[in-house]
Amino acid sequence: MTAPDTSLPPAFDAAAVRGHIERLVGTIAETFPAGEGIEICHIAPTERRPFHTLITCGMSAHAMEVPASVAHAPRYLELMMTLPKDWKLDRDSRTQPTWNWPIAELTRLAALPAAGQWLGWGHAIPNGTPPVPYAPDTKLCGVIIAPSLLVKEAFYELQLDRRQVAFFSAIPLYREELAIRARDGMEKLLGTLIDNEINDVVEIQRKNVGKRFFGLF
C-alpha cells in the first residue's frame, strides 16, 4: 500500500464541516452561495436556540499564512454570525441591504484566506476605510473575530486528519468600539462588551459601549 503524500495540503471535507455544524449547533435548513467553493449554512431558530445562525462552509479549504510569532493560531477557519429570530432571510429580503448585509459580510470575509490574508482571534475588520455602516438602519460598521458565546465549546474546533479547523464568530461593532480595540486591545474591548451584557447576537440598535470612552455620553 502506498503511504499518503504528507507534503500535499490536506483535502477539504465539506461533509465533515456540515456534520460538525449539525451535531453541535443545529439542522442546516438551507445554504446560500458565498463565492467559489464556499457556502453559508443557515440554521433556523428553534425553541432551544432561538436565533438564526449563519456559518461558512468552505472558507477552511484554504490554509492561512500565520505569522511565526503566533504559530499556535489556527491556519484553517470558518466564521459564523448569530441573528435575532425575527431577522428576514427569505429570497426577497436577501435582495435588500437591510437584511442581507450579514450574508454579504460573511461572504467578504470568507474570501480573504484564498486571497492570502490571515484572520485570527482579535482581528478587527472595518467595513471600508473609513468604516461605513453596513445598512441604512444601523451604525454597525466593522467586525471583530472571536469565539461565539452562544455555542458549546466543543464547536470551537474540528479535527480533520491533518487539518484543524477553528470556528469563530464575526461580531459587528460600532466605530467607537473599533477604536477601543485599536487603542486598548482586544481584551479590553471584550471585557467592556461582556460587562455590558453584549454577546454575539446582531442587534442593529444596541448600546454603543465605545461612546463613554470618548466622552460622548
Protein backbone atom coordinates (compact mmCIF):
# COMPACT_ATOMS: atom_id res chain seq x y z
CA MET A 1 0.00 0.00 0.00
CA THR A 2 1.34 3.45 -0.93
CA ALA A 3 1.73 5.82 2.01
CA PRO A 4 -0.16 9.11 1.73
CA ASP A 5 1.88 12.06 0.50
CA THR A 6 2.04 14.30 3.56
CA SER A 7 3.72 17.07 1.55
CA LEU A 8 0.36 17.83 -0.06
CA PRO A 9 -2.19 20.03 1.73
CA PRO A 10 -4.97 18.04 3.43
CA ALA A 11 -8.17 17.80 1.46
CA PHE A 12 -11.15 19.92 2.46
CA ASP A 13 -14.08 17.85 3.74
CA ALA A 14 -17.31 19.82 3.37
CA ALA A 15 -19.44 16.94 4.66
CA ALA A 16 -17.43 16.81 7.87
CA VAL A 17 -17.83 20.56 8.39
CA ARG A 18 -21.58 20.33 7.83
CA GLY A 19 -21.76 17.34 10.19
CA HIS A 20 -19.92 19.29 12.88
CA ILE A 21 -22.39 22.16 12.48
CA GLU A 22 -25.46 19.92 12.64
CA ARG A 23 -24.15 17.91 15.57
CA LEU A 24 -23.32 20.91 17.77
CA VAL A 25 -25.45 23.83 16.55
CA GLY A 26 -28.49 22.54 14.70
CA THR A 27 -30.00 21.26 11.48
CA ILE A 28 -28.98 23.14 8.34
CA ALA A 29 -32.21 24.45 6.84
CA GLU A 30 -30.68 25.88 3.66
CA THR A 31 -27.43 27.17 2.22
CA PHE A 32 -26.54 30.40 0.43
CA PRO A 33 -23.74 30.69 -2.14
CA ALA A 34 -20.79 32.73 -0.88
CA GLY A 35 -18.18 32.60 -3.61
CA GLU A 36 -16.26 29.86 -5.34
CA GLY A 37 -16.33 26.67 -3.27
CA ILE A 38 -17.94 28.40 -0.27
CA GLU A 39 -21.47 28.33 1.06
CA ILE A 40 -23.17 29.81 4.10
CA CYS A 41 -25.18 27.32 6.14
CA HIS A 42 -28.37 28.64 7.71
CA ILE A 43 -29.63 27.09 10.94
CA ALA A 44 -33.16 28.35 11.61
CA PRO A 45 -34.37 29.34 15.09
CA THR A 46 -35.64 26.65 17.44
CA GLU A 47 -37.03 26.67 20.96
CA ARG A 48 -33.63 25.54 22.27
CA ARG A 49 -31.67 28.04 20.16
CA PRO A 50 -33.96 30.98 19.30
CA PHE A 51 -31.65 32.62 16.75
CA HIS A 52 -30.82 32.42 13.08
CA THR A 53 -27.26 31.14 12.76
CA LEU A 54 -25.13 31.62 9.67
CA ILE A 55 -21.91 29.58 9.36
CA THR A 56 -19.49 29.43 6.44
CA CYS A 57 -18.52 26.10 4.91
CA GLY A 58 -15.55 26.16 2.57
CA MET A 59 -13.52 29.05 3.93
CA SER A 60 -11.25 26.48 5.59
CA ALA A 61 -10.39 24.93 2.21
CA HIS A 62 -7.56 27.48 2.10
CA ALA A 63 -4.74 27.47 4.63
CA MET A 64 -3.85 30.88 6.02
CA GLU A 65 -0.25 32.05 6.31
CA VAL A 66 0.03 32.52 10.06
CA PRO A 67 2.98 34.66 11.27
CA ALA A 68 5.69 32.74 13.14
CA SER A 69 5.11 34.91 16.22
CA VAL A 70 1.64 33.35 16.62
CA ALA A 71 2.39 29.89 15.30
CA HIS A 72 -0.22 28.38 17.64
CA ALA A 73 -3.04 30.25 15.83
CA PRO A 74 -5.29 28.15 13.57
CA ARG A 75 -4.49 28.05 9.86
CA TYR A 76 -7.98 26.91 8.88
CA LEU A 77 -11.05 28.94 9.78
CA GLU A 78 -14.82 29.07 9.38
CA LEU A 79 -16.89 32.05 10.55
CA MET A 80 -20.38 32.48 11.92
CA MET A 81 -22.90 35.19 12.72
CA THR A 82 -25.92 34.97 15.02
CA LEU A 83 -29.06 36.92 14.15
CA PRO A 84 -32.30 37.59 16.07
CA LYS A 85 -35.15 35.20 15.32
CA ASP A 86 -37.16 37.95 13.59
CA TRP A 87 -34.38 38.60 11.04
CA LYS A 88 -35.66 38.13 7.48
CA LEU A 89 -33.75 35.68 5.28
CA ASP A 90 -36.33 34.82 2.62
CA ARG A 91 -35.41 35.24 -1.06
CA ASP A 92 -36.92 38.73 -1.44
CA SER A 93 -35.38 40.03 1.80
CA ARG A 94 -31.94 38.81 0.75
CA THR A 95 -32.05 41.34 -2.10
CA GLN A 96 -32.32 44.21 0.42
CA PRO A 97 -29.18 45.60 2.16
CA THR A 98 -31.14 46.00 5.41
CA TRP A 99 -31.44 42.21 5.72
CA ASN A 100 -28.68 40.84 3.50
CA TRP A 101 -25.61 42.54 4.97
CA PRO A 102 -24.66 39.70 7.37
CA ILE A 103 -24.56 37.29 4.41
CA ALA A 104 -22.62 39.84 2.37
CA GLU A 105 -20.13 40.39 5.19
CA LEU A 106 -19.55 36.67 5.77
CA THR A 107 -19.07 36.29 2.01
CA ARG A 108 -16.46 39.07 2.01
CA LEU A 109 -14.60 37.64 4.99
CA ALA A 110 -14.74 34.06 3.70
CA ALA A 111 -12.82 35.10 0.57
CA LEU A 112 -9.84 36.52 2.49
CA PRO A 113 -7.86 33.28 3.14
CA ALA A 114 -7.89 32.46 -0.59
CA ALA A 115 -6.59 35.99 -1.21
CA GLY A 116 -3.67 35.39 1.15
CA GLN A 117 -4.99 37.24 4.19
CA TRP A 118 -4.76 35.83 7.69
CA LEU A 119 -7.71 36.15 10.05
CA GLY A 120 -7.49 35.15 13.69
CA TRP A 121 -8.65 35.82 17.21
CA GLY A 122 -8.89 39.51 17.96
CA HIS A 123 -8.63 40.77 14.41
CA ALA A 124 -10.77 43.78 13.56
CA ILE A 125 -12.05 44.22 10.01
CA PRO A 126 -13.71 47.59 9.28
CA ASN A 127 -16.30 47.98 6.57
CA GLY A 128 -14.15 50.24 4.42
CA THR A 129 -11.66 52.99 5.23
CA PRO A 130 -13.01 54.92 6.98
CA PRO A 131 -15.62 52.37 8.08
CA VAL A 132 -19.17 52.94 6.87
CA PRO A 133 -22.39 51.39 8.25
CA TYR A 134 -23.50 48.07 6.83
CA ALA A 135 -27.05 49.26 6.19
CA PRO A 136 -29.19 52.41 6.47
CA ASP A 137 -30.81 51.31 9.73
CA THR A 138 -27.65 50.69 11.75
CA LYS A 139 -24.32 52.32 12.57
CA LEU A 140 -22.52 48.99 12.97
CA CYS A 141 -19.54 49.24 10.62
CA GLY A 142 -16.98 46.51 11.26
CA VAL A 143 -16.40 43.19 12.99
CA ILE A 144 -14.02 41.53 15.40
CA ILE A 145 -13.13 37.85 15.24
CA ALA A 146 -13.69 35.89 18.46
CA PRO A 147 -15.30 32.66 19.69
CA SER A 148 -19.07 32.76 19.98
CA LEU A 149 -20.51 32.90 23.48
CA LEU A 150 -23.66 31.11 22.27
CA VAL A 151 -22.32 27.69 21.24
CA LYS A 152 -20.78 24.81 23.12
CA GLU A 153 -17.00 24.94 23.48
CA ALA A 154 -16.84 21.65 21.59
CA PHE A 155 -17.92 23.59 18.49
CA TYR A 156 -14.83 25.81 18.54
CA GLU A 157 -12.58 23.25 16.83
CA LEU A 158 -12.92 20.38 14.38
CA GLN A 159 -10.01 18.00 13.86
CA LEU A 160 -9.88 16.57 10.33
CA ASP A 161 -6.85 14.40 9.64
CA ARG A 162 -4.06 16.99 9.31
CA ARG A 163 -6.45 19.95 9.23
CA GLN A 164 -7.60 21.59 12.49
CA VAL A 165 -10.49 23.92 11.72
CA ALA A 166 -11.42 26.73 14.10
CA PHE A 167 -14.93 28.21 14.22
CA PHE A 168 -15.03 31.85 15.27
CA SER A 169 -17.76 34.47 15.28
CA ALA A 170 -17.69 37.71 13.31
CA ILE A 171 -19.11 40.17 15.85
CA PRO A 172 -20.34 43.53 14.47
CA LEU A 173 -19.13 46.71 16.16
CA TYR A 174 -19.58 50.46 16.09
CA ARG A 175 -16.78 52.78 15.00
CA GLU A 176 -16.08 53.82 18.61
CA GLU A 177 -15.79 50.17 19.66
CA LEU A 178 -13.33 49.51 16.85
CA ALA A 179 -11.36 52.44 18.27
CA ILE A 180 -11.22 50.76 21.69
CA ARG A 181 -9.80 47.67 20.04
CA ALA A 182 -7.16 49.77 18.24
CA ARG A 183 -6.23 51.84 21.29
CA ASP A 184 -6.58 49.48 24.25
CA GLY A 185 -6.53 45.99 22.75
CA MET A 186 -8.91 43.11 22.27
CA GLU A 187 -9.10 42.02 25.91
CA LYS A 188 -10.23 45.49 27.00
CA LEU A 189 -12.88 45.58 24.31
CA LEU A 190 -14.20 42.09 25.08
CA GLY A 191 -14.31 42.87 28.79
CA THR A 192 -16.29 46.04 28.11
CA LEU A 193 -18.77 44.20 25.89
CA ILE A 194 -19.26 41.41 28.44
CA ASP A 195 -19.63 43.92 31.30
CA ASN A 196 -22.48 45.47 29.32
CA GLU A 197 -24.09 42.06 28.67
CA ILE A 198 -23.42 42.21 24.94
CA ASN A 199 -22.83 38.89 23.21
CA ASP A 200 -22.53 38.00 19.53
CA VAL A 201 -26.21 38.26 18.59
CA VAL A 202 -26.51 41.03 16.00
CA GLU A 203 -28.62 43.86 17.43
CA ILE A 204 -28.65 46.74 14.95
CA GLN A 205 -29.59 49.41 17.53
CA ARG A 206 -27.81 48.05 20.59
CA LYS A 207 -25.95 50.21 23.07
CA ASN A 208 -22.64 51.61 21.80
CA VAL A 209 -20.20 50.83 24.63
CA GLY A 210 -17.45 52.87 22.98
CA LYS A 211 -19.15 56.22 23.38
CA ARG A 212 -18.32 56.68 27.04
CA PHE A 213 -14.64 56.05 26.32
CA PHE A 214 -14.64 59.06 24.01
CA GLY A 215 -16.75 61.41 26.14
CA LEU A 216 -19.90 61.11 24.09
CA PHE A 217 -22.26 60.33 26.99
